[in-house]
Every structure is written in structure tokens, then in C-alpha cells.
Amino acid sequence: MPAKSPSKSTGAKTSPKPTEQAAKMPVRASINWMNTKDDGNVRATASLTIGGAFAVHGIKVISGQKGDFVSMPSYKSGDSYKDIFHAVTAEAREQMNDAVMKAYEQKLSEEMSLGFDGQGEVLSEDAGMKGMNQ
């Protein structure tokens, strides 16, 4: 077996630490489906695009006792759930959660401005047409 030669520095920059790299990666969220009825605890489903290179689907906005929260994709294994995708650092988790919740709140405000009552029905003829005439 040949002996390993000591590695020489090529003058290349060292790669950033994982936390620095995650903080710089752009994260975009889109809402795929909104629960317009007031049944169940799933308020919406979303997708994330991370750094323009990765896509994550099946993210849920859940209504819980302490308010709405983001649930990453998972599957049931026995009596527990296993994550399919999750953030490794707290900073990355916060960035992804913020992107999803911002998209969700924006979608909610868009629906309200179009005159939906949250039950999937238009509040009035005028309110429903307001968005159509702009």
C-alpha cells in the first residue's frame, strides 16, 4: 500500500462552517393548499425551495393549542412519527419555519382581501369581485 503524502495547502479558501452556510442559503416557501373550512387541525400544506437546489414537499401548517406551527414531512412507524426531512441547526429550522409562516399569513390575507369568509364562501358579491377588477 503506498504511503500517503502530506497534504499541501493550495491557497484555496476554507469552506464556511455549516451554520454560516445554512444562514446564507435562500429559502422560499409556497402554499399549495389552504383548508378553507374550519375542520381538522391542518390549516395548509406548503413546499420549500432551499438554495434553488432542493425542494421539500408535504410541509403542514398545524393549528395547535399554543397557536399555529410548522410540521415537516414525516411518516408513522409503529406508535411514533419519523421525520423525512428536518433542519439540523436551530438557525435553519427558524429560517424554514419563518418562510412557511410568512407564506401562510400572506395567503390568508390574500383570501381575506378577495372576500372569503374562511369557510370557502364569498362574503358578498362586491367583495368577491373586488379582486377580479384590479
C-alpha atoms as a PDB file:
ATOM      1  CA  MET A   1       0.000   0.000   0.000  1.00  0.00           C
ATOM      2  CA  PRO A   2       1.538   3.378  -0.967  1.00  0.00           C
ATOM      3  CA  ALA A   3       2.310   5.833   1.790  1.00  0.00           C
ATOM      4  CA  LYS A   4       0.117   8.876   1.974  1.00  0.00           C
ATOM      5  CA  SER A   5       1.840  12.121   1.225  1.00  0.00           C
ATOM      6  CA  PRO A   6       1.143  15.059   3.475  1.00  0.00           C
ATOM      7  CA  SER A   7      -1.478  17.360   2.020  1.00  0.00           C
ATOM      8  CA  LYS A   8      -0.240  20.680   0.768  1.00  0.00           C
ATOM      9  CA  SER A   9      -2.117  23.919   1.034  1.00  0.00           C
ATOM     10  CA  THR A  10      -3.231  25.160  -2.363  1.00  0.00           C
ATOM     11  CA  GLY A  11      -4.174  28.587  -1.149  1.00  0.00           C
ATOM     12  CA  ALA A  12      -7.881  27.824  -1.583  1.00  0.00           C
ATOM     13  CA  LYS A  13     -10.274  29.362   0.877  1.00  0.00           C
ATOM     14  CA  THR A  14     -11.689  27.086   3.524  1.00  0.00           C
ATOM     15  CA  SER A  15     -15.380  26.338   3.253  1.00  0.00           C
ATOM     16  CA  PRO A  16     -17.697  28.157   5.640  1.00  0.00           C
ATOM     17  CA  LYS A  17     -18.920  26.475   8.795  1.00  0.00           C
ATOM     18  CA  PRO A  18     -22.263  24.649   8.358  1.00  0.00           C
ATOM     19  CA  THR A  19     -24.170  27.264  10.380  1.00  0.00           C
ATOM     20  CA  GLU A  20     -22.767  30.095   8.245  1.00  0.00           C
ATOM     21  CA  GLN A  21     -23.596  28.220   5.057  1.00  0.00           C
ATOM     22  CA  ALA A  22     -27.186  27.487   6.129  1.00  0.00           C
ATOM     23  CA  ALA A  23     -27.817  31.102   7.104  1.00  0.00           C
ATOM     24  CA  LYS A  24     -26.802  32.321   3.638  1.00  0.00           C
ATOM     25  CA  MET A  25     -28.885  29.803   1.684  1.00  0.00           C
ATOM     26  CA  PRO A  26     -32.101  31.419   0.396  1.00  0.00           C
ATOM     27  CA  VAL A  27     -35.302  29.663   1.421  1.00  0.00           C
ATOM     28  CA  ARG A  28     -38.589  30.237  -0.423  1.00  0.00           C
ATOM     29  CA  ALA A  29     -41.950  28.831   0.605  1.00  0.00           C
ATOM     30  CA  SER A  30     -45.202  28.460  -1.285  1.00  0.00           C
ATOM     31  CA  ILE A  31     -48.611  27.401  -0.043  1.00  0.00           C
ATOM     32  CA  ASN A  32     -50.054  24.532  -2.090  1.00  0.00           C
ATOM     33  CA  TRP A  33     -53.406  24.091  -0.322  1.00  0.00           C
ATOM     34  CA  MET A  34     -55.431  26.010   2.250  1.00  0.00           C
ATOM     35  CA  ASN A  35     -58.120  24.483   4.454  1.00  0.00           C
ATOM     36  CA  THR A  36     -60.949  26.921   3.756  1.00  0.00           C
ATOM     37  CA  LYS A  37     -63.296  25.019   6.057  1.00  0.00           C
ATOM     38  CA  ASP A  38     -62.912  25.099   9.798  1.00  0.00           C
ATOM     39  CA  ASP A  39     -62.495  21.331  10.203  1.00  0.00           C
ATOM     40  CA  GLY A  40     -59.421  19.445  11.351  1.00  0.00           C
ATOM     41  CA  ASN A  41     -56.174  20.917  12.590  1.00  0.00           C
ATOM     42  CA  VAL A  42     -54.269  21.086   9.268  1.00  0.00           C
ATOM     43  CA  ARG A  43     -54.563  24.692   8.109  1.00  0.00           C
ATOM     44  CA  ALA A  44     -52.397  24.452   4.960  1.00  0.00           C
ATOM     45  CA  THR A  45     -49.765  22.454   3.098  1.00  0.00           C
ATOM     46  CA  ALA A  46     -46.597  24.032   1.749  1.00  0.00           C
ATOM     47  CA  SER A  47     -43.417  23.421  -0.212  1.00  0.00           C
ATOM     48  CA  LEU A  48     -39.954  24.855   0.351  1.00  0.00           C
ATOM     49  CA  THR A  49     -37.202  25.559  -2.144  1.00  0.00           C
ATOM     50  CA  ILE A  50     -33.810  25.719  -0.466  1.00  0.00           C
ATOM     51  CA  GLY A  51     -30.969  27.475  -2.213  1.00  0.00           C
ATOM     52  CA  GLY A  52     -32.625  26.967  -5.574  1.00  0.00           C
ATOM     53  CA  ALA A  53     -31.302  23.393  -5.442  1.00  0.00           C
ATOM     54  CA  PHE A  54     -33.558  21.405  -3.105  1.00  0.00           C
ATOM     55  CA  ALA A  55     -37.347  21.130  -2.814  1.00  0.00           C
ATOM     56  CA  VAL A  56     -39.286  19.815   0.161  1.00  0.00           C
ATOM     57  CA  HIS A  57     -42.986  18.995  -0.216  1.00  0.00           C
ATOM     58  CA  GLY A  58     -45.595  17.884   2.296  1.00  0.00           C
ATOM     59  CA  ILE A  59     -44.944  20.542   4.932  1.00  0.00           C
ATOM     60  CA  LYS A  60     -48.030  21.281   7.038  1.00  0.00           C
ATOM     61  CA  VAL A  61     -49.217  24.311   8.964  1.00  0.00           C
ATOM     62  CA  ILE A  62     -50.982  22.868  12.002  1.00  0.00           C
ATOM     63  CA  SER A  63     -53.347  24.630  14.387  1.00  0.00           C
ATOM     64  CA  GLY A  64     -52.423  23.611  17.932  1.00  0.00           C
ATOM     65  CA  GLN A  65     -53.319  24.617  21.471  1.00  0.00           C
ATOM     66  CA  LYS A  66     -50.470  27.148  21.560  1.00  0.00           C
ATOM     67  CA  GLY A  67     -51.168  28.526  18.068  1.00  0.00           C
ATOM     68  CA  ASP A  68     -50.153  27.626  14.541  1.00  0.00           C
ATOM     69  CA  PHE A  69     -46.890  25.780  13.914  1.00  0.00           C
ATOM     70  CA  VAL A  70     -44.973  24.169  11.046  1.00  0.00           C
ATOM     71  CA  SER A  71     -44.749  20.380  10.793  1.00  0.00           C
ATOM     72  CA  MET A  72     -42.118  18.928   8.486  1.00  0.00           C
ATOM     73  CA  PRO A  73     -42.892  15.809   6.417  1.00  0.00           C
ATOM     74  CA  SER A  74     -42.937  12.570   8.398  1.00  0.00           C
ATOM     75  CA  TYR A  75     -44.234   9.017   8.327  1.00  0.00           C
ATOM     76  CA  LYS A  76     -45.757   6.834  11.009  1.00  0.00           C
ATOM     77  CA  SER A  77     -43.621   3.982  12.307  1.00  0.00           C
ATOM     78  CA  GLY A  78     -45.433   1.971  14.948  1.00  0.00           C
ATOM     79  CA  ASP A  79     -46.758   4.398  17.537  1.00  0.00           C
ATOM     80  CA  SER A  80     -44.444   7.273  16.654  1.00  0.00           C
ATOM     81  CA  TYR A  81     -43.654   9.514  13.718  1.00  0.00           C
ATOM     82  CA  LYS A  82     -40.268   9.694  11.976  1.00  0.00           C
ATOM     83  CA  ASP A  83     -39.082  12.797  10.158  1.00  0.00           C
ATOM     84  CA  ILE A  84     -38.493  12.508   6.432  1.00  0.00           C
ATOM     85  CA  PHE A  85     -36.857  15.922   6.380  1.00  0.00           C
ATOM     86  CA  HIS A  86     -35.749  18.213   9.178  1.00  0.00           C
ATOM     87  CA  ALA A  87     -33.346  21.056   9.859  1.00  0.00           C
ATOM     88  CA  VAL A  88     -30.082  20.180  11.549  1.00  0.00           C
ATOM     89  CA  THR A  89     -29.492  23.557  13.207  1.00  0.00           C
ATOM     90  CA  ALA A  90     -31.815  25.819  15.145  1.00  0.00           C
ATOM     91  CA  GLU A  91     -30.993  28.669  12.752  1.00  0.00           C
ATOM     92  CA  ALA A  92     -32.002  26.620   9.687  1.00  0.00           C
ATOM     93  CA  ARG A  93     -35.205  25.449  11.403  1.00  0.00           C
ATOM     94  CA  GLU A  94     -36.112  29.027  12.296  1.00  0.00           C
ATOM     95  CA  GLN A  95     -35.407  30.223   8.737  1.00  0.00           C
ATOM     96  CA  MET A  96     -37.609  27.481   7.224  1.00  0.00           C
ATOM     97  CA  ASN A  97     -40.431  27.960   9.754  1.00  0.00           C
ATOM     98  CA  ASP A  98     -40.388  31.729   9.202  1.00  0.00           C
ATOM     99  CA  ALA A  99     -40.578  31.306   5.413  1.00  0.00           C
ATOM    100  CA  VAL A 100     -43.543  28.894   5.648  1.00  0.00           C
ATOM    101  CA  MET A 101     -45.453  31.003   8.184  1.00  0.00           C
ATOM    102  CA  LYS A 102     -44.860  34.196   6.177  1.00  0.00           C
ATOM    103  CA  ALA A 103     -46.221  32.498   3.017  1.00  0.00           C
ATOM    104  CA  TYR A 104     -49.203  31.166   5.007  1.00  0.00           C
ATOM    105  CA  GLU A 105     -50.039  34.566   6.504  1.00  0.00           C
ATOM    106  CA  GLN A 106     -49.714  36.205   3.075  1.00  0.00           C
ATOM    107  CA  LYS A 107     -52.070  33.632   1.542  1.00  0.00           C
ATOM    108  CA  LEU A 108     -54.556  34.191   4.388  1.00  0.00           C
ATOM    109  CA  SER A 109     -54.534  37.940   3.826  1.00  0.00           C
ATOM    110  CA  GLU A 110     -54.955  37.454   0.046  1.00  0.00           C
ATOM    111  CA  GLU A 111     -58.004  35.267   0.603  1.00  0.00           C
ATOM    112  CA  MET A 112     -59.480  37.741   3.060  1.00  0.00           C
ATOM    113  CA  SER A 113     -58.926  40.622   0.621  1.00  0.00           C
ATOM    114  CA  LEU A 114     -60.796  38.636  -2.035  1.00  0.00           C
ATOM    115  CA  GLY A 115     -63.748  38.397   0.333  1.00  0.00           C
ATOM    116  CA  PHE A 116     -63.622  34.782   1.516  1.00  0.00           C
ATOM    117  CA  ASP A 117     -65.007  34.129   4.985  1.00  0.00           C
ATOM    118  CA  GLY A 118     -62.613  31.294   5.866  1.00  0.00           C
ATOM    119  CA  GLN A 119     -65.365  28.765   5.155  1.00  0.00           C
ATOM    120  CA  GLY A 120     -64.756  28.750   1.418  1.00  0.00           C
ATOM    121  CA  GLU A 121     -67.634  31.104   0.689  1.00  0.00           C
ATOM    122  CA  VAL A 122     -67.629  34.652  -0.617  1.00  0.00           C
ATOM    123  CA  LEU A 123     -68.807  37.228   1.920  1.00  0.00           C
ATOM    124  CA  SER A 124     -70.605  39.356  -0.668  1.00  0.00           C
ATOM    125  CA  GLU A 125     -70.817  39.734  -4.426  1.00  0.00           C
ATOM    126  CA  ASP A 126     -68.898  43.023  -4.290  1.00  0.00           C
ATOM    127  CA  ALA A 127     -66.130  41.631  -2.083  1.00  0.00           C
ATOM    128  CA  GLY A 128     -65.608  38.638  -4.357  1.00  0.00           C
ATOM    129  CA  MET A 129     -65.452  40.785  -7.489  1.00  0.00           C
ATOM    130  CA  LYS A 130     -63.083  43.341  -5.957  1.00  0.00           C
ATOM    131  CA  GLY A 131     -60.006  41.239  -6.748  1.00  0.00           C
ATOM    132  CA  MET A 132     -61.273  40.443 -10.257  1.00  0.00           C
ATOM    133  CA  ASN A 133     -61.498  44.070 -11.416  1.00  0.00           C
ATOM    134  CA  GLN A 134     -57.999  45.127 -10.408  1.00  0.00           C
END
